[in-house]
């Protein structure tokens, strides 16, 4: 097996298409297709089913995917040992988490492993999960709930199945169509329904569909509550401050306004979301420092 072939295979498995893999790797689709073909030829098995909807992993392909990233990690470790290059860890996060929660994690990582270069990228949830599956990210930080990834109501790309977790408090979603993912809940994010002291309580001010806080609001209030859709959580908070309705918002976005009295909590038992770190299963050895920094208590 050739490392370039393995990288092409992992990228196709993650994106579900040769074209998507080629874009992520900066190669021509024909080159990626040839890499996969040569890998299948060398192993003597079909790794993908070619369908009109894209590339679907076979059982043999899923078995290889569970081990391929570990081989690539080991190759990178050998390369760093020989060349003296610094190790880079690529963490993806929702933009609001990158701003509010990642600085403390980066600080702990820097103190524990000053030899690491940490690259933080913020994006939408689906783009983060696709980057994780395609090998562009090592781990991603999301908001979720429940005993498996997607319990909040979002889907995991190319991944219809589910299975038990491999770590205490963790879980996985896996299947022949997509990546085998593990997760660890490393904290909680409380939500609160707030409004201006003398402002309107209706409508419910919400962020766009697909946003984690919007998904939580839809689950908490259902479809009956009048609502106004705005462009972001920040906009919903400002409209609530201006007395134009109530908003369900994360605790880290509320502390200054609650302290100043610009917003007040309403009598509603708001849900709590899990701060969830997700990674490709089998990569725990390569991500041990990241897992430690994520799960360490504040100030540790």
C-alpha atoms as a PDB file:
ATOM      1  CA  UNK A   1       0.000   0.000   0.000  1.00  0.00           C
ATOM      2  CA  UNK A   2       1.132   3.494  -0.887  1.00  0.00           C
ATOM      3  CA  UNK A   3       0.592   6.384   1.534  1.00  0.00           C
ATOM      4  CA  UNK A   4      -0.780   8.561  -1.261  1.00  0.00           C
ATOM      5  CA  UNK A   5      -3.276   5.848  -2.090  1.00  0.00           C
ATOM      6  CA  UNK A   6      -4.340   5.658   1.561  1.00  0.00           C
ATOM      7  CA  UNK A   7      -4.801   9.431   1.772  1.00  0.00           C
ATOM      8  CA  UNK A   8      -6.904   9.355  -1.389  1.00  0.00           C
ATOM      9  CA  UNK A   9      -8.963   6.475  -0.018  1.00  0.00           C
ATOM     10  CA  UNK A  10      -9.590   8.241   3.317  1.00  0.00           C
ATOM     11  CA  UNK A  11     -10.596  11.451   1.521  1.00  0.00           C
ATOM     12  CA  UNK A  12     -13.061   9.632  -0.757  1.00  0.00           C
ATOM     13  CA  UNK A  13     -14.540   7.776   2.216  1.00  0.00           C
ATOM     14  CA  UNK A  14     -14.973  11.047   4.062  1.00  0.00           C
ATOM     15  CA  UNK A  15     -16.481  13.139   1.275  1.00  0.00           C
ATOM     16  CA  UNK A  16     -18.414  10.382  -0.484  1.00  0.00           C
ATOM     17  CA  UNK A  17     -17.226  11.416  -3.952  1.00  0.00           C
ATOM     18  CA  UNK A  18     -14.009  11.414  -5.947  1.00  0.00           C
ATOM     19  CA  UNK A  19     -14.532  15.060  -6.858  1.00  0.00           C
ATOM     20  CA  UNK A  20     -14.962  16.078  -3.209  1.00  0.00           C
ATOM     21  CA  UNK A  21     -11.840  14.136  -2.245  1.00  0.00           C
ATOM     22  CA  UNK A  22      -9.874  15.731  -5.079  1.00  0.00           C
ATOM     23  CA  UNK A  23     -10.912  19.213  -3.932  1.00  0.00           C
ATOM     24  CA  UNK A  24      -9.860  18.503  -0.354  1.00  0.00           C
ATOM     25  CA  UNK A  25      -6.488  17.097  -1.445  1.00  0.00           C
ATOM     26  CA  UNK A  26      -5.790  19.657  -4.165  1.00  0.00           C
ATOM     27  CA  UNK A  27      -5.545  16.978  -6.850  1.00  0.00           C
ATOM     28  CA  UNK A  28      -7.286  16.197 -10.109  1.00  0.00           C
ATOM     29  CA  UNK A  29     -10.259  13.787  -9.798  1.00  0.00           C
ATOM     30  CA  UNK A  30      -8.564  11.422 -12.256  1.00  0.00           C
ATOM     31  CA  UNK A  31      -5.526  11.186  -9.935  1.00  0.00           C
ATOM     32  CA  UNK A  32      -7.660  10.332  -6.907  1.00  0.00           C
ATOM     33  CA  UNK A  33      -9.674   7.790  -8.881  1.00  0.00           C
ATOM     34  CA  UNK A  34      -6.436   6.147 -10.026  1.00  0.00           C
ATOM     35  CA  UNK A  35      -5.115   6.035  -6.449  1.00  0.00           C
ATOM     36  CA  UNK A  36      -8.242   4.219  -5.281  1.00  0.00           C
ATOM     37  CA  UNK A  37      -8.163   1.841  -8.250  1.00  0.00           C
ATOM     38  CA  UNK A  38      -4.518   0.923  -7.619  1.00  0.00           C
ATOM     39  CA  UNK A  39      -5.201   0.415  -3.900  1.00  0.00           C
ATOM     40  CA  UNK A  40      -8.112  -1.912  -4.671  1.00  0.00           C
ATOM     41  CA  UNK A  41      -5.947  -3.723  -7.205  1.00  0.00           C
ATOM     42  CA  UNK A  42      -3.104  -4.222  -4.727  1.00  0.00           C
ATOM     43  CA  UNK A  43      -5.465  -5.544  -2.038  1.00  0.00           C
ATOM     44  CA  UNK A  44      -7.550  -7.636  -4.406  1.00  0.00           C
ATOM     45  CA  UNK A  45     -10.860  -6.357  -3.010  1.00  0.00           C
ATOM     46  CA  UNK A  46     -13.414  -3.685  -3.876  1.00  0.00           C
ATOM     47  CA  UNK A  47     -13.285  -0.874  -1.317  1.00  0.00           C
ATOM     48  CA  UNK A  48     -16.232   1.113  -2.710  1.00  0.00           C
ATOM     49  CA  UNK A  49     -19.535   0.537  -4.398  1.00  0.00           C
ATOM     50  CA  UNK A  50     -19.911   3.079  -7.202  1.00  0.00           C
ATOM     51  CA  UNK A  51     -23.477   4.414  -7.055  1.00  0.00           C
ATOM     52  CA  UNK A  52     -25.279   7.398  -8.653  1.00  0.00           C
ATOM     53  CA  UNK A  53     -25.258   9.009  -5.200  1.00  0.00           C
ATOM     54  CA  UNK A  54     -21.501   8.626  -4.771  1.00  0.00           C
ATOM     55  CA  UNK A  55     -18.899   6.230  -3.412  1.00  0.00           C
ATOM     56  CA  UNK A  56     -20.216   3.856  -0.761  1.00  0.00           C
ATOM     57  CA  UNK A  57     -17.791   1.845   1.373  1.00  0.00           C
ATOM     58  CA  UNK A  58     -17.954  -1.931   1.109  1.00  0.00           C
ATOM     59  CA  UNK A  59     -17.458  -4.073   4.192  1.00  0.00           C
ATOM     60  CA  UNK A  60     -13.769  -4.425   3.283  1.00  0.00           C
ATOM     61  CA  UNK A  61     -13.536  -0.667   2.759  1.00  0.00           C
ATOM     62  CA  UNK A  62     -15.003   0.023   6.193  1.00  0.00           C
ATOM     63  CA  UNK A  63     -12.453  -2.375   7.710  1.00  0.00           C
ATOM     64  CA  UNK A  64      -9.602  -0.546   5.991  1.00  0.00           C
ATOM     65  CA  UNK A  65     -10.937   2.888   6.975  1.00  0.00           C
ATOM     66  CA  UNK A  66     -10.838   1.914  10.647  1.00  0.00           C
ATOM     67  CA  UNK A  67      -7.069   1.341  10.304  1.00  0.00           C
ATOM     68  CA  UNK A  68      -5.972   3.645   7.504  1.00  0.00           C
ATOM     69  CA  UNK A  69      -5.789   6.856   9.520  1.00  0.00           C
ATOM     70  CA  UNK A  70      -3.697   5.096  12.155  1.00  0.00           C
ATOM     71  CA  UNK A  71      -1.209   4.105   9.446  1.00  0.00           C
ATOM     72  CA  UNK A  72      -1.090   7.699   8.197  1.00  0.00           C
ATOM     73  CA  UNK A  73      -0.615   8.971  11.758  1.00  0.00           C
ATOM     74  CA  UNK A  74       2.304   6.575  12.258  1.00  0.00           C
ATOM     75  CA  UNK A  75       3.892   7.677   8.982  1.00  0.00           C
ATOM     76  CA  UNK A  76       3.619  11.317  10.070  1.00  0.00           C
ATOM     77  CA  UNK A  77       5.180  10.451  13.422  1.00  0.00           C
ATOM     78  CA  UNK A  78       8.134   8.793  11.675  1.00  0.00           C
ATOM     79  CA  UNK A  79       8.519  11.769   9.344  1.00  0.00           C
ATOM     80  CA  UNK A  80       8.570  14.214  12.265  1.00  0.00           C
ATOM     81  CA  UNK A  81      11.124  12.107  14.107  1.00  0.00           C
ATOM     82  CA  UNK A  82      13.437  12.117  11.105  1.00  0.00           C
ATOM     83  CA  UNK A  83      12.981  15.737  10.036  1.00  0.00           C
ATOM     84  CA  UNK A  84      12.477  17.387  13.426  1.00  0.00           C
ATOM     85  CA  UNK A  85       9.229  18.977  12.278  1.00  0.00           C
ATOM     86  CA  UNK A  86       6.713  20.069  14.892  1.00  0.00           C
ATOM     87  CA  UNK A  87       3.499  18.133  15.200  1.00  0.00           C
ATOM     88  CA  UNK A  88       0.346  19.946  14.104  1.00  0.00           C
ATOM     89  CA  UNK A  89      -3.086  19.232  15.570  1.00  0.00           C
ATOM     90  CA  UNK A  90      -6.057  20.489  13.570  1.00  0.00           C
ATOM     91  CA  UNK A  91      -9.177  21.144  15.619  1.00  0.00           C
ATOM     92  CA  UNK A  92     -12.442  22.292  14.105  1.00  0.00           C
ATOM     93  CA  UNK A  93     -15.186  24.033  16.065  1.00  0.00           C
ATOM     94  CA  UNK A  94     -18.440  25.839  15.556  1.00  0.00           C
ATOM     95  CA  UNK A  95     -17.649  29.542  15.359  1.00  0.00           C
ATOM     96  CA  UNK A  96     -19.329  30.399  18.675  1.00  0.00           C
ATOM     97  CA  UNK A  97     -17.365  27.626  20.415  1.00  0.00           C
ATOM     98  CA  UNK A  98     -14.115  28.667  18.739  1.00  0.00           C
ATOM     99  CA  UNK A  99     -14.600  32.130  20.222  1.00  0.00           C
ATOM    100  CA  UNK A 100     -15.902  31.204  23.679  1.00  0.00           C
ATOM    101  CA  UNK A 101     -14.397  27.828  24.591  1.00  0.00           C
ATOM    102  CA  UNK A 102     -11.289  27.162  22.507  1.00  0.00           C
ATOM    103  CA  UNK A 103      -8.942  29.771  24.074  1.00  0.00           C
ATOM    104  CA  UNK A 104      -8.835  27.868  27.383  1.00  0.00           C
ATOM    105  CA  UNK A 105      -8.203  24.596  25.545  1.00  0.00           C
ATOM    106  CA  UNK A 106      -5.379  26.129  23.505  1.00  0.00           C
ATOM    107  CA  UNK A 107      -3.811  27.478  26.683  1.00  0.00           C
ATOM    108  CA  UNK A 108      -3.888  24.058  28.374  1.00  0.00           C
ATOM    109  CA  UNK A 109      -2.481  22.384  25.259  1.00  0.00           C
ATOM    110  CA  UNK A 110       0.340  24.942  25.078  1.00  0.00           C
ATOM    111  CA  UNK A 111       1.236  24.354  28.720  1.00  0.00           C
ATOM    112  CA  UNK A 112       1.109  20.570  28.446  1.00  0.00           C
ATOM    113  CA  UNK A 113       2.729  20.196  25.024  1.00  0.00           C
ATOM    114  CA  UNK A 114       4.644  23.309  23.936  1.00  0.00           C
ATOM    115  CA  UNK A 115       5.968  21.311  20.960  1.00  0.00           C
ATOM    116  CA  UNK A 116       2.512  21.179  19.374  1.00  0.00           C
ATOM    117  CA  UNK A 117       1.239  23.583  16.743  1.00  0.00           C
ATOM    118  CA  UNK A 118      -2.539  23.878  17.099  1.00  0.00           C
ATOM    119  CA  UNK A 119      -4.579  24.949  14.101  1.00  0.00           C
ATOM    120  CA  UNK A 120      -8.174  25.947  14.940  1.00  0.00           C
ATOM    121  CA  UNK A 121     -10.698  26.194  12.122  1.00  0.00           C
ATOM    122  CA  UNK A 122     -14.300  27.338  12.504  1.00  0.00           C
ATOM    123  CA  UNK A 123     -17.025  26.290  10.101  1.00  0.00           C
ATOM    124  CA  UNK A 124     -20.543  24.915   9.876  1.00  0.00           C
ATOM    125  CA  UNK A 125     -21.263  21.575  11.515  1.00  0.00           C
ATOM    126  CA  UNK A 126     -21.606  19.611   8.276  1.00  0.00           C
ATOM    127  CA  UNK A 127     -18.378  21.075   6.877  1.00  0.00           C
ATOM    128  CA  UNK A 128     -16.571  20.163  10.110  1.00  0.00           C
ATOM    129  CA  UNK A 129     -17.810  16.567  10.041  1.00  0.00           C
ATOM    130  CA  UNK A 130     -16.891  16.232   6.364  1.00  0.00           C
ATOM    131  CA  UNK A 131     -13.417  17.606   7.104  1.00  0.00           C
ATOM    132  CA  UNK A 132     -13.041  15.123   9.957  1.00  0.00           C
ATOM    133  CA  UNK A 133     -14.080  12.167   7.817  1.00  0.00           C
ATOM    134  CA  UNK A 134     -11.825  13.298   4.976  1.00  0.00           C
ATOM    135  CA  UNK A 135      -8.749  13.577   7.196  1.00  0.00           C
ATOM    136  CA  UNK A 136      -8.530  17.387   6.998  1.00  0.00           C
ATOM    137  CA  UNK A 137      -9.300  17.734  10.731  1.00  0.00           C
ATOM    138  CA  UNK A 138      -8.142  15.655  13.691  1.00  0.00           C
ATOM    139  CA  UNK A 139     -11.107  16.415  15.960  1.00  0.00           C
ATOM    140  CA  UNK A 140     -14.129  18.720  16.030  1.00  0.00           C
ATOM    141  CA  UNK A 141     -15.999  20.400  18.884  1.00  0.00           C
ATOM    142  CA  UNK A 142     -19.796  20.465  18.584  1.00  0.00           C
ATOM    143  CA  UNK A 143     -22.954  20.960  20.595  1.00  0.00           C
ATOM    144  CA  UNK A 144     -25.164  17.883  20.842  1.00  0.00           C
ATOM    145  CA  UNK A 145     -27.292  15.818  23.195  1.00  0.00           C
ATOM    146  CA  UNK A 146     -28.170  12.186  23.830  1.00  0.00           C
ATOM    147  CA  UNK A 147     -26.257   8.939  23.612  1.00  0.00           C
ATOM    148  CA  UNK A 148     -25.093   9.150  20.011  1.00  0.00           C
ATOM    149  CA  UNK A 149     -23.825  11.762  17.586  1.00  0.00           C
ATOM    150  CA  UNK A 150     -26.729  13.676  16.066  1.00  0.00           C
ATOM    151  CA  UNK A 151     -29.051  13.336  19.055  1.00  0.00           C
ATOM    152  CA  UNK A 152     -29.781  17.064  18.769  1.00  0.00           C
ATOM    153  CA  UNK A 153     -31.388  16.473  15.382  1.00  0.00           C
ATOM    154  CA  UNK A 154     -28.623  16.860  12.792  1.00  0.00           C
ATOM    155  CA  UNK A 155     -27.396  14.146  10.443  1.00  0.00           C
ATOM    156  CA  UNK A 156     -23.903  12.735  10.109  1.00  0.00           C
ATOM    157  CA  UNK A 157     -22.781  12.720   6.446  1.00  0.00           C
ATOM    158  CA  UNK A 158     -22.731   9.294   4.756  1.00  0.00           C
ATOM    159  CA  UNK A 159     -23.387   7.568   8.089  1.00  0.00           C
ATOM    160  CA  UNK A 160     -26.790   5.944   8.676  1.00  0.00           C
ATOM    161  CA  UNK A 161     -25.858   3.422  11.367  1.00  0.00           C
ATOM    162  CA  UNK A 162     -24.964   3.544  15.017  1.00  0.00           C
ATOM    163  CA  UNK A 163     -23.078   1.501  17.571  1.00  0.00           C
ATOM    164  CA  UNK A 164     -21.802   1.543  21.140  1.00  0.00           C
ATOM    165  CA  UNK A 165     -19.068   3.886  22.274  1.00  0.00           C
ATOM    166  CA  UNK A 166     -15.563   2.751  23.104  1.00  0.00           C
ATOM    167  CA  UNK A 167     -14.890   5.170  25.956  1.00  0.00           C
ATOM    168  CA  UNK A 168     -16.837   5.859  29.170  1.00  0.00           C
ATOM    169  CA  UNK A 169     -19.313   8.608  28.378  1.00  0.00           C
ATOM    170  CA  UNK A 170     -18.604   8.305  24.674  1.00  0.00           C
ATOM    171  CA  UNK A 171     -20.428   6.944  21.674  1.00  0.00           C
ATOM    172  CA  UNK A 172     -20.086   6.305  18.002  1.00  0.00           C
ATOM    173  CA  UNK A 173     -22.019   6.301  14.774  1.00  0.00           C
ATOM    174  CA  UNK A 174     -20.779   3.947  12.121  1.00  0.00           C
ATOM    175  CA  UNK A 175     -21.896   2.060   9.093  1.00  0.00           C
ATOM    176  CA  UNK A 176     -20.756   0.635   5.756  1.00  0.00           C
ATOM    177  CA  UNK A 177     -21.551   3.971   4.103  1.00  0.00           C
ATOM    178  CA  UNK A 178     -19.334   6.240   6.105  1.00  0.00           C
ATOM    179  CA  UNK A 179     -16.842   7.021   8.843  1.00  0.00           C
ATOM    180  CA  UNK A 180     -16.669   5.349  12.232  1.00  0.00           C
ATOM    181  CA  UNK A 181     -16.804   8.183  14.748  1.00  0.00           C
ATOM    182  CA  UNK A 182     -16.260   8.305  18.489  1.00  0.00           C
ATOM    183  CA  UNK A 183     -17.075  11.135  20.842  1.00  0.00           C
ATOM    184  CA  UNK A 184     -16.456  12.285  24.365  1.00  0.00           C
ATOM    185  CA  UNK A 185     -18.608  14.829  26.194  1.00  0.00           C
ATOM    186  CA  UNK A 186     -16.103  17.242  27.692  1.00  0.00           C
ATOM    187  CA  UNK A 187     -18.438  19.801  29.226  1.00  0.00           C
ATOM    188  CA  UNK A 188     -21.905  21.322  29.240  1.00  0.00           C
ATOM    189  CA  UNK A 189     -23.465  24.459  27.796  1.00  0.00           C
ATOM    190  CA  UNK A 190     -26.513  25.714  29.637  1.00  0.00           C
ATOM    191  CA  UNK A 191     -29.308  27.483  27.792  1.00  0.00           C
ATOM    192  CA  UNK A 192     -31.597  30.181  29.143  1.00  0.00           C
ATOM    193  CA  UNK A 193     -34.756  31.814  27.832  1.00  0.00           C
ATOM    194  CA  UNK A 194     -34.219  35.572  28.213  1.00  0.00           C
ATOM    195  CA  UNK A 195     -35.825  38.889  27.344  1.00  0.00           C
ATOM    196  CA  UNK A 196     -35.442  42.563  28.180  1.00  0.00           C
ATOM    197  CA  UNK A 197     -36.949  43.406  31.613  1.00  0.00           C
ATOM    198  CA  UNK A 198     -39.823  45.414  30.105  1.00  0.00           C
ATOM    199  CA  UNK A 199     -39.671  43.935  26.610  1.00  0.00           C
ATOM    200  CA  UNK A 200     -42.014  41.677  24.672  1.00  0.00           C
ATOM    201  CA  UNK A 201     -42.009  37.948  25.432  1.00  0.00           C
ATOM    202  CA  UNK A 202     -43.152  37.045  21.918  1.00  0.00           C
ATOM    203  CA  UNK A 203     -42.159  36.184  19.306  1.00  0.00           C
ATOM    204  CA  UNK A 204     -39.384  33.698  20.020  1.00  0.00           C
ATOM    205  CA  UNK A 205     -36.268  35.040  18.302  1.00  0.00           C
ATOM    206  CA  UNK A 206     -34.352  32.198  16.646  1.00  0.00           C
ATOM    207  CA  UNK A 207     -31.212  31.665  14.574  1.00  0.00           C
ATOM    208  CA  UNK A 208     -31.316  29.973  11.114  1.00  0.00           C
ATOM    209  CA  UNK A 209     -32.288  26.298  10.621  1.00  0.00           C
ATOM    210  CA  UNK A 210     -29.454  23.885  11.309  1.00  0.00           C
ATOM    211  CA  UNK A 211     -27.857  26.044  14.011  1.00  0.00           C
ATOM    212  CA  UNK A 212     -27.381  24.042  17.210  1.00  0.00           C
ATOM    213  CA  UNK A 213     -29.238  26.591  19.344  1.00  0.00           C
ATOM    214  CA  UNK A 214     -32.086  26.673  16.796  1.00  0.00           C
ATOM    215  CA  UNK A 215     -32.320  22.872  16.917  1.00  0.00           C
ATOM    216  CA  UNK A 216     -32.497  23.050  20.710  1.00  0.00           C
ATOM    217  CA  UNK A 217     -35.202  25.760  20.540  1.00  0.00           C
ATOM    218  CA  UNK A 218     -37.269  23.720  18.087  1.00  0.00           C
ATOM    219  CA  UNK A 219     -37.079  20.687  20.382  1.00  0.00           C
ATOM    220  CA  UNK A 220     -37.942  22.729  23.483  1.00  0.00           C
ATOM    221  CA  UNK A 221     -40.850  24.760  22.098  1.00  0.00           C
ATOM    222  CA  UNK A 222     -42.212  22.801  19.146  1.00  0.00           C
ATOM    223  CA  UNK A 223     -43.831  24.458  16.154  1.00  0.00           C
ATOM    224  CA  UNK A 224     -46.702  26.187  17.982  1.00  0.00           C
ATOM    225  CA  UNK A 225     -44.756  29.075  19.521  1.00  0.00           C
ATOM    226  CA  UNK A 226     -44.668  32.209  17.296  1.00  0.00           C
ATOM    227  CA  UNK A 227     -41.123  32.870  16.163  1.00  0.00           C
ATOM    228  CA  UNK A 228     -39.050  35.257  14.108  1.00  0.00           C
ATOM    229  CA  UNK A 229     -36.018  33.871  12.276  1.00  0.00           C
ATOM    230  CA  UNK A 230     -32.905  36.041  12.362  1.00  0.00           C
ATOM    231  CA  UNK A 231     -29.437  35.702  10.862  1.00  0.00           C
ATOM    232  CA  UNK A 232     -27.459  34.614  13.942  1.00  0.00           C
ATOM    233  CA  UNK A 233     -27.414  34.064  17.695  1.00  0.00           C
ATOM    234  CA  UNK A 234     -25.778  37.474  18.126  1.00  0.00           C
ATOM    235  CA  UNK A 235     -28.646  39.127  16.258  1.00  0.00           C
ATOM    236  CA  UNK A 236     -31.245  37.255  18.325  1.00  0.00           C
ATOM    237  CA  UNK A 237     -29.542  38.434  21.525  1.00  0.00           C
ATOM    238  CA  UNK A 238     -29.491  42.070  20.361  1.00  0.00           C
ATOM    239  CA  UNK A 239     -33.150  42.014  19.305  1.00  0.00           C
ATOM    240  CA  UNK A 240     -34.021  40.564  22.725  1.00  0.00           C
ATOM    241  CA  UNK A 241     -32.042  43.389  24.365  1.00  0.00           C
ATOM    242  CA  UNK A 242     -34.107  45.844  22.327  1.00  0.00           C
ATOM    243  CA  UNK A 243     -37.325  44.350  23.685  1.00  0.00           C
ATOM    244  CA  UNK A 244     -38.483  42.712  20.447  1.00  0.00           C
ATOM    245  CA  UNK A 245     -39.065  39.225  21.839  1.00  0.00           C
ATOM    246  CA  UNK A 246     -37.475  36.430  23.854  1.00  0.00           C
ATOM    247  CA  UNK A 247     -34.556  34.229  22.850  1.00  0.00           C
ATOM    248  CA  UNK A 248     -33.101  30.891  23.929  1.00  0.00           C
ATOM    249  CA  UNK A 249     -29.358  31.550  24.205  1.00  0.00           C
ATOM    250  CA  UNK A 250     -26.195  29.772  25.457  1.00  0.00           C
ATOM    251  CA  UNK A 251     -24.859  30.743  28.868  1.00  0.00           C
ATOM    252  CA  UNK A 252     -21.491  31.951  27.545  1.00  0.00           C
ATOM    253  CA  UNK A 253     -23.266  34.564  25.402  1.00  0.00           C
ATOM    254  CA  UNK A 254     -25.377  35.895  28.288  1.00  0.00           C
ATOM    255  CA  UNK A 255     -23.145  36.598  31.282  1.00  0.00           C
ATOM    256  CA  UNK A 256     -22.550  40.358  30.652  1.00  0.00           C
ATOM    257  CA  UNK A 257     -26.200  41.084  29.822  1.00  0.00           C
ATOM    258  CA  UNK A 258     -27.542  39.169  32.809  1.00  0.00           C
ATOM    259  CA  UNK A 259     -25.047  40.869  35.128  1.00  0.00           C
ATOM    260  CA  UNK A 260     -25.975  44.344  33.848  1.00  0.00           C
ATOM    261  CA  UNK A 261     -29.712  43.674  33.857  1.00  0.00           C
ATOM    262  CA  UNK A 262     -30.072  44.232  30.103  1.00  0.00           C
ATOM    263  CA  UNK A 263     -31.616  40.747  29.914  1.00  0.00           C
ATOM    264  CA  UNK A 264     -33.474  38.687  32.530  1.00  0.00           C
ATOM    265  CA  UNK A 265     -34.187  34.981  32.729  1.00  0.00           C
ATOM    266  CA  UNK A 266     -37.790  33.958  32.112  1.00  0.00           C
ATOM    267  CA  UNK A 267     -39.551  31.186  33.990  1.00  0.00           C
ATOM    268  CA  UNK A 268     -38.681  28.355  31.654  1.00  0.00           C
ATOM    269  CA  UNK A 269     -36.715  25.188  32.373  1.00  0.00           C
ATOM    270  CA  UNK A 270     -34.200  25.387  29.558  1.00  0.00           C
ATOM    271  CA  UNK A 271     -32.268  22.329  28.318  1.00  0.00           C
ATOM    272  CA  UNK A 272     -28.542  21.737  28.694  1.00  0.00           C
ATOM    273  CA  UNK A 273     -26.410  20.737  25.722  1.00  0.00           C
ATOM    274  CA  UNK A 274     -23.269  18.624  25.726  1.00  0.00           C
ATOM    275  CA  UNK A 275     -19.970  20.095  24.592  1.00  0.00           C
ATOM    276  CA  UNK A 276     -18.929  17.140  22.443  1.00  0.00           C
ATOM    277  CA  UNK A 277     -15.517  16.322  20.993  1.00  0.00           C
ATOM    278  CA  UNK A 278     -15.738  14.030  17.941  1.00  0.00           C
ATOM    279  CA  UNK A 279     -12.953  12.145  16.171  1.00  0.00           C
ATOM    280  CA  UNK A 280     -12.369   9.173  13.867  1.00  0.00           C
ATOM    281  CA  UNK A 281     -12.408   5.972  15.857  1.00  0.00           C
ATOM    282  CA  UNK A 282      -8.998   4.442  16.465  1.00  0.00           C
ATOM    283  CA  UNK A 283      -7.187   7.793  16.634  1.00  0.00           C
ATOM    284  CA  UNK A 284      -7.155   8.044  20.439  1.00  0.00           C
ATOM    285  CA  UNK A 285      -3.356   7.519  20.695  1.00  0.00           C
ATOM    286  CA  UNK A 286      -2.667  10.416  18.317  1.00  0.00           C
ATOM    287  CA  UNK A 287      -5.197  12.661  20.080  1.00  0.00           C
ATOM    288  CA  UNK A 288      -4.383  11.835  23.706  1.00  0.00           C
ATOM    289  CA  UNK A 289      -3.081  15.344  24.462  1.00  0.00           C
ATOM    290  CA  UNK A 290      -6.107  16.985  22.857  1.00  0.00           C
ATOM    291  CA  UNK A 291      -8.518  14.778  24.811  1.00  0.00           C
ATOM    292  CA  UNK A 292      -6.705  15.597  28.035  1.00  0.00           C
ATOM    293  CA  UNK A 293      -6.764  19.341  27.393  1.00  0.00           C
ATOM    294  CA  UNK A 294     -10.427  19.268  26.410  1.00  0.00           C
ATOM    295  CA  UNK A 295     -11.532  17.300  29.457  1.00  0.00           C
ATOM    296  CA  UNK A 296      -9.252  18.927  32.058  1.00  0.00           C
ATOM    297  CA  UNK A 297     -11.092  21.202  34.502  1.00  0.00           C
ATOM    298  CA  UNK A 298     -10.677  24.942  34.175  1.00  0.00           C
ATOM    299  CA  UNK A 299      -7.405  26.072  35.705  1.00  0.00           C
ATOM    300  CA  UNK A 300      -5.882  22.569  35.464  1.00  0.00           C
END
